[in-house]
Amino acid sequence: MTAEAERPAAVSACLEVLKKRADFLACARPPARKQHTPGFLLQGRAREAGGAIRIGYTCSKKVGNAVARNRAKRRLREIARAVLLKEGRAGWDYVLVGRKDETANRDFATLKADLSNALAKVHG
């Protein structure tokens, strides 16, 4: 069996991607919850209307040039696929914010563990 066959689909039917600025802003202001980790910032909020898990990714220009920002976002997408499908809650919005140098260079297994711990704290 090839590695492609073992991997889950790009973005599963359970995960929807946030695209509107208003959704990102809603995750940034109270009563949304935030959890800082060395590799990224996790913002999460429960929506009134249930539904699928929604996820957004962002990296500011502080992270670096376009190549560095895209690399950081690719890594954030991968940890979200690996962890959120198991530990995320339906009806929640999450935003992963990349950090300069850390997101792109931190060990991948450590990033996944950071996301698991951050989710546990955000869900309280």
PDB file of N, CA and C in Angstrom:
ATOM      1  N   MET A   1       0.846  -1.172   0.000  1.00  0.00           N
ATOM      2  CA  MET A   1       0.000   0.000   0.000  1.00  0.00           C
ATOM      3  C   MET A   1       0.893   1.238   0.000  1.00  0.00           C
ATOM      4  N   THR A   2       0.580   2.211  -0.818  1.00  0.00           N
ATOM      5  CA  THR A   2       1.401   3.410  -0.924  1.00  0.00           C
ATOM      6  C   THR A   2       1.073   4.390   0.185  1.00  0.00           C
ATOM      7  N   ALA A   3       1.957   5.359   0.346  1.00  0.00           N
ATOM      8  CA  ALA A   3       1.760   6.383   1.371  1.00  0.00           C
ATOM      9  C   ALA A   3       0.523   7.223   1.061  1.00  0.00           C
ATOM     10  N   GLU A   4       0.228   7.433  -0.229  1.00  0.00           N
ATOM     11  CA  GLU A   4      -0.946   8.212  -0.620  1.00  0.00           C
ATOM     12  C   GLU A   4      -2.234   7.525  -0.174  1.00  0.00           C
ATOM     13  N   ALA A   5      -2.275   6.203  -0.266  1.00  0.00           N
ATOM     14  CA  ALA A   5      -3.481   5.469   0.090  1.00  0.00           C
ATOM     15  C   ALA A   5      -3.720   5.492   1.597  1.00  0.00           C
ATOM     16  N   GLU A   6      -2.667   5.595   2.390  1.00  0.00           N
ATOM     17  CA  GLU A   6      -2.793   5.581   3.842  1.00  0.00           C
ATOM     18  C   GLU A   6      -3.195   6.936   4.405  1.00  0.00           C
ATOM     19  N   ARG A   7      -2.877   8.018   3.708  1.00  0.00           N
ATOM     20  CA  ARG A   7      -3.182   9.365   4.196  1.00  0.00           C
ATOM     21  C   ARG A   7      -4.662   9.667   4.047  1.00  0.00           C
ATOM     22  N   PRO A   8      -5.216  10.445   4.992  1.00  0.00           N
ATOM     23  CA  PRO A   8      -6.604  10.863   4.811  1.00  0.00           C
ATOM     24  C   PRO A   8      -6.705  11.860   3.663  1.00  0.00           C
ATOM     25  N   ALA A   9      -7.908  12.099   3.186  1.00  0.00           N
ATOM     26  CA  ALA A   9      -8.139  13.053   2.103  1.00  0.00           C
ATOM     27  C   ALA A   9      -7.643  14.432   2.516  1.00  0.00           C
ATOM     28  N   ALA A  10      -7.355  15.272   1.522  1.00  0.00           N
ATOM     29  CA  ALA A  10      -6.744  16.586   1.752  1.00  0.00           C
ATOM     30  C   ALA A  10      -7.403  17.332   2.909  1.00  0.00           C
ATOM     31  N   VAL A  11      -8.620  17.707   2.770  1.00  0.00           N
ATOM     32  CA  VAL A  11      -9.367  18.250   3.896  1.00  0.00           C
ATOM     33  C   VAL A  11     -10.630  17.433   3.966  1.00  0.00           C
ATOM     34  N   SER A  12     -10.762  16.716   5.021  1.00  0.00           N
ATOM     35  CA  SER A  12     -11.870  15.788   5.169  1.00  0.00           C
ATOM     36  C   SER A  12     -13.202  16.517   5.139  1.00  0.00           C
ATOM     37  N   ALA A  13     -14.246  15.763   4.939  1.00  0.00           N
ATOM     38  CA  ALA A  13     -15.595  16.336   4.939  1.00  0.00           C
ATOM     39  C   ALA A  13     -15.936  16.895   6.314  1.00  0.00           C
ATOM     40  N   CYS A  14     -15.229  16.458   7.345  1.00  0.00           N
ATOM     41  CA  CYS A  14     -15.490  16.945   8.701  1.00  0.00           C
ATOM     42  C   CYS A  14     -14.884  18.323   8.947  1.00  0.00           C
ATOM     43  N   LEU A  15     -13.888  18.714   8.166  1.00  0.00           N
ATOM     44  CA  LEU A  15     -13.222  20.002   8.336  1.00  0.00           C
ATOM     45  C   LEU A  15     -13.617  20.950   7.214  1.00  0.00           C
ATOM     46  N   GLU A  16     -14.076  22.134   7.587  1.00  0.00           N
ATOM     47  CA  GLU A  16     -14.339  23.188   6.623  1.00  0.00           C
ATOM     48  C   GLU A  16     -13.316  24.288   6.854  1.00  0.00           C
ATOM     49  N   VAL A  17     -12.928  24.989   5.806  1.00  0.00           N
ATOM     50  CA  VAL A  17     -11.919  26.039   5.915  1.00  0.00           C
ATOM     51  C   VAL A  17     -12.603  27.387   6.048  1.00  0.00           C
ATOM     52  N   LEU A  18     -12.164  28.173   7.034  1.00  0.00           N
ATOM     53  CA  LEU A  18     -12.667  29.534   7.206  1.00  0.00           C
ATOM     54  C   LEU A  18     -12.118  30.401   6.087  1.00  0.00           C
ATOM     55  N   LYS A  19     -12.976  31.201   5.474  1.00  0.00           N
ATOM     56  CA  LYS A  19     -12.535  32.056   4.383  1.00  0.00           C
ATOM     57  C   LYS A  19     -12.900  33.513   4.592  1.00  0.00           C
ATOM     58  N   LYS A  20     -13.888  33.789   5.431  1.00  0.00           N
ATOM     59  CA  LYS A  20     -14.341  35.159   5.625  1.00  0.00           C
ATOM     60  C   LYS A  20     -13.616  35.816   6.786  1.00  0.00           C
ATOM     61  N   ARG A  21     -13.258  37.070   6.592  1.00  0.00           N
ATOM     62  CA  ARG A  21     -12.539  37.824   7.616  1.00  0.00           C
ATOM     63  C   ARG A  21     -13.338  37.888   8.913  1.00  0.00           C
ATOM     64  N   ALA A  22     -14.645  38.003   8.811  1.00  0.00           N
ATOM     65  CA  ALA A  22     -15.499  38.085  10.005  1.00  0.00           C
ATOM     66  C   ALA A  22     -15.363  36.841  10.877  1.00  0.00           C
ATOM     67  N   ASP A  23     -15.185  35.676  10.260  1.00  0.00           N
ATOM     68  CA  ASP A  23     -15.009  34.449  11.029  1.00  0.00           C
ATOM     69  C   ASP A  23     -13.680  34.450  11.778  1.00  0.00           C
ATOM     70  N   PHE A  24     -12.633  34.962  11.128  1.00  0.00           N
ATOM     71  CA  PHE A  24     -11.326  35.059  11.787  1.00  0.00           C
ATOM     72  C   PHE A  24     -11.400  36.035  12.959  1.00  0.00           C
ATOM     73  N   LEU A  25     -12.069  37.176  12.753  1.00  0.00           N
ATOM     74  CA  LEU A  25     -12.189  38.175  13.810  1.00  0.00           C
ATOM     75  C   LEU A  25     -13.022  37.657  14.979  1.00  0.00           C
ATOM     76  N   ALA A  26     -14.038  36.872  14.688  1.00  0.00           N
ATOM     77  CA  ALA A  26     -14.862  36.304  15.753  1.00  0.00           C
ATOM     78  C   ALA A  26     -14.055  35.363  16.640  1.00  0.00           C
ATOM     79  N   CYS A  27     -13.081  34.673  16.061  1.00  0.00           N
ATOM     80  CA  CYS A  27     -12.219  33.781  16.855  1.00  0.00           C
ATOM     81  C   CYS A  27     -11.197  34.554  17.677  1.00  0.00           C
ATOM     82  N   ALA A  28     -11.000  35.823  17.340  1.00  0.00           N
ATOM     83  CA  ALA A  28      -9.973  36.613  18.027  1.00  0.00           C
ATOM     84  C   ALA A  28     -10.531  37.410  19.214  1.00  0.00           C
ATOM     85  N   ARG A  29     -11.837  37.600  19.261  1.00  0.00           N
ATOM     86  CA  ARG A  29     -12.389  38.427  20.346  1.00  0.00           C
ATOM     87  C   ARG A  29     -13.210  37.572  21.308  1.00  0.00           C
ATOM     88  N   PRO A  30     -13.339  38.068  22.547  1.00  0.00           N
ATOM     89  CA  PRO A  30     -14.104  37.314  23.551  1.00  0.00           C
ATOM     90  C   PRO A  30     -15.527  37.081  23.081  1.00  0.00           C
ATOM     91  N   PRO A  31     -16.131  35.991  23.435  1.00  0.00           N
ATOM     92  CA  PRO A  31     -15.750  34.966  24.417  1.00  0.00           C
ATOM     93  C   PRO A  31     -14.880  33.839  23.852  1.00  0.00           C
ATOM     94  N   ALA A  32     -14.287  34.049  22.691  1.00  0.00           N
ATOM     95  CA  ALA A  32     -13.397  33.031  22.123  1.00  0.00           C
ATOM     96  C   ALA A  32     -12.216  32.804  23.063  1.00  0.00           C
ATOM     97  N   ARG A  33     -11.634  31.629  22.970  1.00  0.00           N
ATOM     98  CA  ARG A  33     -10.522  31.259  23.847  1.00  0.00           C
ATOM     99  C   ARG A  33      -9.234  31.188  23.039  1.00  0.00           C
ATOM    100  N   LYS A  34      -8.119  31.518  23.705  1.00  0.00           N
ATOM    101  CA  LYS A  34      -6.813  31.493  23.054  1.00  0.00           C
ATOM    102  C   LYS A  34      -5.862  30.639  23.873  1.00  0.00           C
ATOM    103  N   GLN A  35      -4.963  29.979  23.174  1.00  0.00           N
ATOM    104  CA  GLN A  35      -3.922  29.220  23.847  1.00  0.00           C
ATOM    105  C   GLN A  35      -2.615  29.393  23.086  1.00  0.00           C
ATOM    106  N   HIS A  36      -1.622  29.931  23.758  1.00  0.00           N
ATOM    107  CA  HIS A  36      -0.309  30.140  23.161  1.00  0.00           C
ATOM    108  C   HIS A  36       0.524  28.875  23.314  1.00  0.00           C
ATOM    109  N   THR A  37       1.242  28.533  22.274  1.00  0.00           N
ATOM    110  CA  THR A  37       2.224  27.455  22.321  1.00  0.00           C
ATOM    111  C   THR A  37       3.495  28.005  21.684  1.00  0.00           C
ATOM    112  N   PRO A  38       4.616  27.332  21.875  1.00  0.00           N
ATOM    113  CA  PRO A  38       5.849  27.831  21.254  1.00  0.00           C
ATOM    114  C   PRO A  38       5.787  27.880  19.726  1.00  0.00           C
ATOM    115  N   GLY A  39       5.020  26.984  19.106  1.00  0.00           N
ATOM    116  CA  GLY A  39       4.999  26.900  17.656  1.00  0.00           C
ATOM    117  C   GLY A  39       3.914  27.714  16.972  1.00  0.00           C
ATOM    118  N   PHE A  40       2.831  28.031  17.679  1.00  0.00           N
ATOM    119  CA  PHE A  40       1.711  28.737  17.069  1.00  0.00           C
ATOM    120  C   PHE A  40       0.767  29.232  18.156  1.00  0.00           C
ATOM    121  N   LEU A  41      -0.229  29.995  17.742  1.00  0.00           N
ATOM    122  CA  LEU A  41      -1.304  30.438  18.620  1.00  0.00           C
ATOM    123  C   LEU A  41      -2.582  29.760  18.144  1.00  0.00           C
ATOM    124  N   LEU A  42      -3.325  29.174  19.069  1.00  0.00           N
ATOM    125  CA  LEU A  42      -4.610  28.566  18.744  1.00  0.00           C
ATOM    126  C   LEU A  42      -5.722  29.452  19.293  1.00  0.00           C
ATOM    127  N   GLN A  43      -6.655  29.822  18.427  1.00  0.00           N
ATOM    128  CA  GLN A  43      -7.843  30.552  18.829  1.00  0.00           C
ATOM    129  C   GLN A  43      -9.028  29.651  18.544  1.00  0.00           C
ATOM    130  N   GLY A  44      -9.971  29.568  19.469  1.00  0.00           N
ATOM    131  CA  GLY A  44     -11.127  28.707  19.258  1.00  0.00           C
ATOM    132  C   GLY A  44     -12.377  29.302  19.857  1.00  0.00           C
ATOM    133  N   ARG A  45     -13.497  29.010  19.207  1.00  0.00           N
ATOM    134  CA  ARG A  45     -14.783  29.456  19.744  1.00  0.00           C
ATOM    135  C   ARG A  45     -15.866  28.473  19.338  1.00  0.00           C
ATOM    136  N   ALA A  46     -16.846  28.329  20.223  1.00  0.00           N
ATOM    137  CA  ALA A  46     -18.005  27.499  19.927  1.00  0.00           C
ATOM    138  C   ALA A  46     -19.019  28.360  19.190  1.00  0.00           C
ATOM    139  N   ARG A  47     -19.553  27.835  18.101  1.00  0.00           N
ATOM    140  CA  ARG A  47     -20.591  28.547  17.364  1.00  0.00           C
ATOM    141  C   ARG A  47     -21.948  28.196  17.943  1.00  0.00           C
ATOM    142  N   GLU A  48     -22.911  29.123  17.780  1.00  0.00           N
ATOM    143  CA  GLU A  48     -24.269  28.823  18.239  1.00  0.00           C
ATOM    144  C   GLU A  48     -24.869  27.692  17.410  1.00  0.00           C
ATOM    145  N   ALA A  49     -24.704  27.800  16.111  1.00  0.00           N
ATOM    146  CA  ALA A  49     -25.182  26.742  15.223  1.00  0.00           C
ATOM    147  C   ALA A  49     -24.113  25.662  15.166  1.00  0.00           C
ATOM    148  N   GLY A  50     -24.495  24.436  15.424  1.00  0.00           N
ATOM    149  CA  GLY A  50     -23.529  23.341  15.386  1.00  0.00           C
ATOM    150  C   GLY A  50     -23.001  23.137  13.974  1.00  0.00           C
ATOM    151  N   GLY A  51     -22.571  21.955  13.695  1.00  0.00           N
ATOM    152  CA  GLY A  51     -22.086  21.651  12.358  1.00  0.00           C
ATOM    153  C   GLY A  51     -20.678  21.104  12.395  1.00  0.00           C
ATOM    154  N   ALA A  52     -20.022  21.210  11.271  1.00  0.00           N
ATOM    155  CA  ALA A  52     -18.681  20.658  11.120  1.00  0.00           C
ATOM    156  C   ALA A  52     -17.655  21.504  11.865  1.00  0.00           C
ATOM    157  N   ILE A  53     -16.491  20.942  12.021  1.00  0.00           N
ATOM    158  CA  ILE A  53     -15.348  21.681  12.561  1.00  0.00           C
ATOM    159  C   ILE A  53     -14.865  22.615  11.461  1.00  0.00           C
ATOM    160  N   ARG A  54     -14.666  23.892  11.803  1.00  0.00           N
ATOM    161  CA  ARG A  54     -14.137  24.843  10.822  1.00  0.00           C
ATOM    162  C   ARG A  54     -12.766  25.303  11.296  1.00  0.00           C
ATOM    163  N   ILE A  55     -11.840  25.438  10.357  1.00  0.00           N
ATOM    164  CA  ILE A  55     -10.456  25.769  10.682  1.00  0.00           C
ATOM    165  C   ILE A  55      -9.948  26.853   9.743  1.00  0.00           C
ATOM    166  N   GLY A  56      -9.157  27.774  10.282  1.00  0.00           N
ATOM    167  CA  GLY A  56      -8.519  28.809   9.498  1.00  0.00           C
ATOM    168  C   GLY A  56      -7.034  28.855   9.826  1.00  0.00           C
ATOM    169  N   TYR A  57      -6.247  29.313   8.881  1.00  0.00           N
ATOM    170  CA  TYR A  57      -4.795  29.395   9.042  1.00  0.00           C
ATOM    171  C   TYR A  57      -4.364  30.791   8.661  1.00  0.00           C
ATOM    172  N   THR A  58      -3.459  31.358   9.435  1.00  0.00           N
ATOM    173  CA  THR A  58      -2.949  32.676   9.080  1.00  0.00           C
ATOM    174  C   THR A  58      -1.510  32.840   9.553  1.00  0.00           C
ATOM    175  N   CYS A  59      -0.751  33.573   8.769  1.00  0.00           N
ATOM    176  CA  CYS A  59       0.627  33.918   9.098  1.00  0.00           C
ATOM    177  C   CYS A  59       0.849  35.348   8.614  1.00  0.00           C
ATOM    178  N   SER A  60       1.262  36.223   9.507  1.00  0.00           N
ATOM    179  CA  SER A  60       1.492  37.608   9.116  1.00  0.00           C
ATOM    180  C   SER A  60       2.859  37.750   8.452  1.00  0.00           C
ATOM    181  N   LYS A  61       3.131  38.934   7.969  1.00  0.00           N
ATOM    182  CA  LYS A  61       4.426  39.181   7.319  1.00  0.00           C
ATOM    183  C   LYS A  61       5.577  39.113   8.317  1.00  0.00           C
ATOM    184  N   LYS A  62       5.269  39.136   9.607  1.00  0.00           N
ATOM    185  CA  LYS A  62       6.316  38.973  10.624  1.00  0.00           C
ATOM    186  C   LYS A  62       6.952  37.588  10.530  1.00  0.00           C
ATOM    187  N   VAL A  63       6.190  36.620  10.021  1.00  0.00           N
ATOM    188  CA  VAL A  63       6.702  35.254   9.889  1.00  0.00           C
ATOM    189  C   VAL A  63       7.814  35.195   8.849  1.00  0.00           C
ATOM    190  N   GLY A  64       7.722  36.041   7.836  1.00  0.00           N
ATOM    191  CA  GLY A  64       8.766  36.070   6.809  1.00  0.00           C
ATOM    192  C   GLY A  64       8.177  36.384   5.452  1.00  0.00           C
ATOM    193  N   ASN A  65       8.942  36.075   4.425  1.00  0.00           N
ATOM    194  CA  ASN A  65       8.475  36.330   3.061  1.00  0.00           C
ATOM    195  C   ASN A  65       7.415  35.303   2.682  1.00  0.00           C
ATOM    196  N   ALA A  66       6.904  35.376   1.467  1.00  0.00           N
ATOM    197  CA  ALA A  66       5.814  34.503   1.036  1.00  0.00           C
ATOM    198  C   ALA A  66       6.181  33.025   1.139  1.00  0.00           C
ATOM    199  N   VAL A  67       7.412  32.702   0.833  1.00  0.00           N
ATOM    200  CA  VAL A  67       7.851  31.310   0.897  1.00  0.00           C
ATOM    201  C   VAL A  67       7.790  30.804   2.334  1.00  0.00           C
ATOM    202  N   ALA A  68       8.265  31.599   3.278  1.00  0.00           N
ATOM    203  CA  ALA A  68       8.255  31.209   4.689  1.00  0.00           C
ATOM    204  C   ALA A  68       6.823  31.113   5.220  1.00  0.00           C
ATOM    205  N   ARG A  69       5.966  32.051   4.832  1.00  0.00           N
ATOM    206  CA  ARG A  69       4.576  32.023   5.294  1.00  0.00           C
ATOM    207  C   ARG A  69       3.851  30.796   4.751  1.00  0.00           C
ATOM    208  N   ASN A  70       4.068  30.488   3.482  1.00  0.00           N
ATOM    209  CA  ASN A  70       3.411  29.324   2.894  1.00  0.00           C
ATOM    210  C   ASN A  70       3.902  28.028   3.521  1.00  0.00           C
ATOM    211  N   ARG A  71       5.183  27.946   3.825  1.00  0.00           N
ATOM    212  CA  ARG A  71       5.719  26.740   4.466  1.00  0.00           C
ATOM    213  C   ARG A  71       5.102  26.565   5.842  1.00  0.00           C
ATOM    214  N   ALA A  72       5.002  27.662   6.586  1.00  0.00           N
ATOM    215  CA  ALA A  72       4.403  27.602   7.920  1.00  0.00           C
ATOM    216  C   ALA A  72       2.937  27.162   7.830  1.00  0.00           C
ATOM    217  N   LYS A  73       2.193  27.707   6.870  1.00  0.00           N
ATOM    218  CA  LYS A  73       0.780  27.338   6.730  1.00  0.00           C
ATOM    219  C   LYS A  73       0.610  25.881   6.293  1.00  0.00           C
ATOM    220  N   ARG A  74       1.501  25.384   5.461  1.00  0.00           N
ATOM    221  CA  ARG A  74       1.433  23.966   5.071  1.00  0.00           C
ATOM    222  C   ARG A  74       1.587  23.067   6.282  1.00  0.00           C
ATOM    223  N   ARG A  75       2.526  23.432   7.156  1.00  0.00           N
ATOM    224  CA  ARG A  75       2.744  22.633   8.361  1.00  0.00           C
ATOM    225  C   ARG A  75       1.525  22.711   9.291  1.00  0.00           C
ATOM    226  N   LEU A  76       0.932  23.896   9.408  1.00  0.00           N
ATOM    227  CA  LEU A  76      -0.273  24.048  10.238  1.00  0.00           C
ATOM    228  C   LEU A  76      -1.421  23.206   9.679  1.00  0.00           C
ATOM    229  N   ARG A  77      -1.566  23.171   8.363  1.00  0.00           N
ATOM    230  CA  ARG A  77      -2.622  22.357   7.751  1.00  0.00           C
ATOM    231  C   ARG A  77      -2.433  20.881   8.077  1.00  0.00           C
ATOM    232  N   GLU A  78      -1.199  20.428   8.013  1.00  0.00           N
ATOM    233  CA  GLU A  78      -0.926  19.014   8.274  1.00  0.00           C
ATOM    234  C   GLU A  78      -1.197  18.634   9.722  1.00  0.00           C
ATOM    235  N   ILE A  79      -0.790  19.481  10.674  1.00  0.00           N
ATOM    236  CA  ILE A  79      -1.075  19.119  12.071  1.00  0.00           C
ATOM    237  C   ILE A  79      -2.575  19.181  12.336  1.00  0.00           C
ATOM    238  N   ALA A  80      -3.286  20.090  11.677  1.00  0.00           N
ATOM    239  CA  ALA A  80      -4.736  20.166  11.858  1.00  0.00           C
ATOM    240  C   ALA A  80      -5.397  18.890  11.346  1.00  0.00           C
ATOM    241  N   ARG A  81      -4.964  18.406  10.178  1.00  0.00           N
ATOM    242  CA  ARG A  81      -5.528  17.169   9.645  1.00  0.00           C
ATOM    243  C   ARG A  81      -5.274  15.996  10.576  1.00  0.00           C
ATOM    244  N   ALA A  82      -4.086  15.973  11.151  1.00  0.00           N
ATOM    245  CA  ALA A  82      -3.707  14.847  11.993  1.00  0.00           C
ATOM    246  C   ALA A  82      -4.404  14.871  13.351  1.00  0.00           C
ATOM    247  N   VAL A  83      -4.619  16.059  13.916  1.00  0.00           N
ATOM    248  CA  VAL A  83      -5.090  16.150  15.299  1.00  0.00           C
ATOM    249  C   VAL A  83      -6.560  16.547  15.410  1.00  0.00           C
ATOM    250  N   LEU A  84      -6.997  17.516  14.623  1.00  0.00           N
ATOM    251  CA  LEU A  84      -8.360  18.036  14.788  1.00  0.00           C
ATOM    252  C   LEU A  84      -9.436  17.013  14.475  1.00  0.00           C
ATOM    253  N   LEU A  85      -9.200  16.122  13.543  1.00  0.00           N
ATOM    254  CA  LEU A  85     -10.207  15.115  13.233  1.00  0.00           C
ATOM    255  C   LEU A  85     -10.484  14.221  14.432  1.00  0.00           C
ATOM    256  N   LYS A  86      -9.488  14.015  15.283  1.00  0.00           N
ATOM    257  CA  LYS A  86      -9.644  13.161  16.464  1.00  0.00           C
ATOM    258  C   LYS A  86     -10.063  13.951  17.695  1.00  0.00           C
ATOM    259  N   GLU A  87      -9.490  15.150  17.872  1.00  0.00           N
ATOM    260  CA  GLU A  87      -9.666  15.860  19.138  1.00  0.00           C
ATOM    261  C   GLU A  87     -10.490  17.135  19.040  1.00  0.00           C
ATOM    262  N   GLY A  88     -10.788  17.582  17.826  1.00  0.00           N
ATOM    263  CA  GLY A  88     -11.613  18.775  17.663  1.00  0.00           C
ATOM    264  C   GLY A  88     -13.072  18.480  17.962  1.00  0.00           C
ATOM    265  N   ARG A  89     -13.832  19.518  18.242  1.00  0.00           N
ATOM    266  CA  ARG A  89     -15.247  19.358  18.545  1.00  0.00           C
ATOM    267  C   ARG A  89     -16.098  19.932  17.426  1.00  0.00           C
ATOM    268  N   ALA A  90     -17.143  19.210  17.073  1.00  0.00           N
ATOM    269  CA  ALA A  90     -18.071  19.688  16.053  1.00  0.00           C
ATOM    270  C   ALA A  90     -18.736  20.966  16.553  1.00  0.00           C
ATOM    271  N   GLY A  91     -18.948  21.910  15.653  1.00  0.00           N
ATOM    272  CA  GLY A  91     -19.570  23.167  16.032  1.00  0.00           C
ATOM    273  C   GLY A  91     -18.585  24.208  16.541  1.00  0.00           C
ATOM    274  N   TRP A  92     -17.306  23.935  16.416  1.00  0.00           N
ATOM    275  CA  TRP A  92     -16.273  24.872  16.860  1.00  0.00           C
ATOM    276  C   TRP A  92     -15.526  25.432  15.658  1.00  0.00           C
ATOM    277  N   ASP A  93     -15.079  26.684  15.797  1.00  0.00           N
ATOM    278  CA  ASP A  93     -14.175  27.318  14.840  1.00  0.00           C
ATOM    279  C   ASP A  93     -12.805  27.397  15.488  1.00  0.00           C
ATOM    280  N   TYR A  94     -11.765  27.079  14.734  1.00  0.00           N
ATOM    281  CA  TYR A  94     -10.393  27.176  15.214  1.00  0.00           C
ATOM    282  C   TYR A  94      -9.584  28.001  14.217  1.00  0.00           C
ATOM    283  N   VAL A  95      -8.661  28.807  14.730  1.00  0.00           N
ATOM    284  CA  VAL A  95      -7.718  29.525  13.885  1.00  0.00           C
ATOM    285  C   VAL A  95      -6.323  29.222  14.413  1.00  0.00           C
ATOM    286  N   LEU A  96      -5.445  28.793  13.529  1.00  0.00           N
ATOM    287  CA  LEU A  96      -4.046  28.561  13.872  1.00  0.00           C
ATOM    288  C   LEU A  96      -3.229  29.708  13.300  1.00  0.00           C
ATOM    289  N   VAL A  97      -2.502  30.401  14.168  1.00  0.00           N
ATOM    290  CA  VAL A  97      -1.698  31.556  13.776  1.00  0.00           C
ATOM    291  C   VAL A  97      -0.232  31.161  13.878  1.00  0.00           C
ATOM    292  N   GLY A  98       0.485  31.250  12.763  1.00  0.00           N
ATOM    293  CA  GLY A  98       1.894  30.872  12.729  1.00  0.00           C
ATOM    294  C   GLY A  98       2.778  31.868  13.462  1.00  0.00           C
ATOM    295  N   ARG A  99       3.914  31.384  13.943  1.00  0.00           N
ATOM    296  CA  ARG A  99       4.886  32.222  14.640  1.00  0.00           C
ATOM    297  C   ARG A  99       6.202  32.245  13.867  1.00  0.00           C
ATOM    298  N   LYS A 100       6.863  33.359  13.971  1.00  0.00           N
ATOM    299  CA  LYS A 100       8.130  33.546  13.265  1.00  0.00           C
ATOM    300  C   LYS A 100       9.135  32.466  13.669  1.00  0.00           C
ATOM    301  N   ASP A 101       9.768  31.871  12.708  1.00  0.00           N
ATOM    302  CA  ASP A 101      10.800  30.842  12.846  1.00  0.00           C
ATOM    303  C   ASP A 101      10.288  29.547  13.481  1.00  0.00           C
ATOM    304  N   GLU A 102       9.502  29.624  14.526  1.00  0.00           N
ATOM    305  CA  GLU A 102       9.110  28.432  15.266  1.00  0.00           C
ATOM    306  C   GLU A 102       8.196  27.499  14.482  1.00  0.00           C
ATOM    307  N   THR A 103       7.187  28.028  13.817  1.00  0.00           N
ATOM    308  CA  THR A 103       6.225  27.175  13.123  1.00  0.00           C
ATOM    309  C   THR A 103       6.905  26.365  12.028  1.00  0.00           C
ATOM    310  N   ALA A 104       7.760  26.992  11.271  1.00  0.00           N
ATOM    311  CA  ALA A 104       8.393  26.322  10.140  1.00  0.00           C
ATOM    312  C   ALA A 104       9.537  25.395  10.568  1.00  0.00           C
ATOM    313  N   ASN A 105      10.157  25.664  11.707  1.00  0.00           N
ATOM    314  CA  ASN A 105      11.361  24.918  12.079  1.00  0.00           C
ATOM    315  C   ASN A 105      11.166  23.946  13.235  1.00  0.00           C
ATOM    316  N   ARG A 106      10.067  24.029  13.947  1.00  0.00           N
ATOM    317  CA  ARG A 106       9.839  23.159  15.105  1.00  0.00           C
ATOM    318  C   ARG A 106       9.586  21.727  14.633  1.00  0.00           C
ATOM    319  N   ASP A 107       9.997  20.760  15.440  1.00  0.00           N
ATOM    320  CA  ASP A 107       9.801  19.353  15.129  1.00  0.00           C
ATOM    321  C   ASP A 107       8.314  19.067  14.927  1.00  0.00           C
ATOM    322  N   PHE A 108       7.986  18.293  13.890  1.00  0.00           N
ATOM    323  CA  PHE A 108       6.592  18.061  13.529  1.00  0.00           C
ATOM    324  C   PHE A 108       5.829  17.328  14.630  1.00  0.00           C
ATOM    325  N   ALA A 109       6.445  16.336  15.239  1.00  0.00           N
ATOM    326  CA  ALA A 109       5.780  15.596  16.321  1.00  0.00           C
ATOM    327  C   ALA A 109       5.505  16.520  17.513  1.00  0.00           C
ATOM    328  N   THR A 110       6.417  17.436  17.767  1.00  0.00           N
ATOM    329  CA  THR A 110       6.223  18.394  18.855  1.00  0.00           C
ATOM    330  C   THR A 110       5.080  19.342  18.537  1.00  0.00           C
ATOM    331  N   LEU A 111       4.970  19.772  17.272  1.00  0.00           N
ATOM    332  CA  LEU A 111       3.856  20.633  16.879  1.00  0.00           C
ATOM    333  C   LEU A 111       2.517  19.918  17.088  1.00  0.00           C
ATOM    334  N   LYS A 112       2.449  18.646  16.731  1.00  0.00           N
ATOM    335  CA  LYS A 112       1.215  17.893  16.925  1.00  0.00           C
ATOM    336  C   LYS A 112       0.875  17.777  18.409  1.00  0.00           C
ATOM    337  N   ALA A 113       1.887  17.523  19.239  1.00  0.00           N
ATOM    338  CA  ALA A 113       1.652  17.445  20.684  1.00  0.00           C
ATOM    339  C   ALA A 113       1.209  18.799  21.233  1.00  0.00           C
ATOM    340  N   ASP A 114       1.798  19.895  20.720  1.00  0.00           N
ATOM    341  CA  ASP A 114       1.385  21.233  21.137  1.00  0.00           C
ATOM    342  C   ASP A 114      -0.084  21.481  20.816  1.00  0.00           C
ATOM    343  N   LEU A 115      -0.530  21.047  19.633  1.00  0.00           N
ATOM    344  CA  LEU A 115      -1.920  21.251  19.253  1.00  0.00           C
ATOM    345  C   LEU A 115      -2.851  20.426  20.143  1.00  0.00           C
ATOM    346  N   SER A 116      -2.482  19.206  20.452  1.00  0.00           N
ATOM    347  CA  SER A 116      -3.300  18.382  21.344  1.00  0.00           C
ATOM    348  C   SER A 116      -3.450  19.034  22.710  1.00  0.00           C
ATOM    349  N   ASN A 117      -2.336  19.522  23.254  1.00  0.00           N
ATOM    350  CA  ASN A 117      -2.375  20.179  24.568  1.00  0.00           C
ATOM    351  C   ASN A 117      -3.183  21.467  24.519  1.00  0.00           C
ATOM    352  N   ALA A 118      -3.017  22.242  23.456  1.00  0.00           N
ATOM    353  CA  ALA A 118      -3.735  23.507  23.326  1.00  0.00           C
ATOM    354  C   ALA A 118      -5.242  23.255  23.214  1.00  0.00           C
ATOM    355  N   LEU A 119      -5.626  22.233  22.466  1.00  0.00           N
ATOM    356  CA  LEU A 119      -7.051  21.909  22.334  1.00  0.00           C
ATOM    357  C   LEU A 119      -7.653  21.514  23.684  1.00  0.00           C
ATOM    358  N   ALA A 120      -6.908  20.741  24.453  1.00  0.00           N
ATOM    359  CA  ALA A 120      -7.401  20.330  25.775  1.00  0.00           C
ATOM    360  C   ALA A 120      -7.637  21.553  26.665  1.00  0.00           C
ATOM    361  N   LYS A 121      -6.737  22.530  26.602  1.00  0.00           N
ATOM    362  CA  LYS A 121      -6.889  23.735  27.420  1.00  0.00           C
ATOM    363  C   LYS A 121      -8.009  24.635  26.922  1.00  0.00           C
ATOM    364  N   VAL A 122      -8.146  24.749  25.610  1.00  0.00           N
ATOM    365  CA  VAL A 122      -9.212  25.605  25.048  1.00  0.00           C
ATOM    366  C   VAL A 122     -10.585  25.018  25.375  1.00  0.00           C
ATOM    367  N   HIS A 123     -10.698  23.692  25.339  1.00  0.00           N
ATOM    368  CA  HIS A 123     -11.985  23.068  25.632  1.00  0.00           C
ATOM    369  C   HIS A 123     -12.254  23.029  27.129  1.00  0.00           C
ATOM    370  N   GLY A 124     -11.234  23.278  27.922  1.00  0.00           N
ATOM    371  CA  GLY A 124     -11.393  23.373  29.371  1.00  0.00           C
ATOM    372  C   GLY A 124     -11.751  22.071  29.983  1.00  0.00           C
TER     373      GLY A 124
END
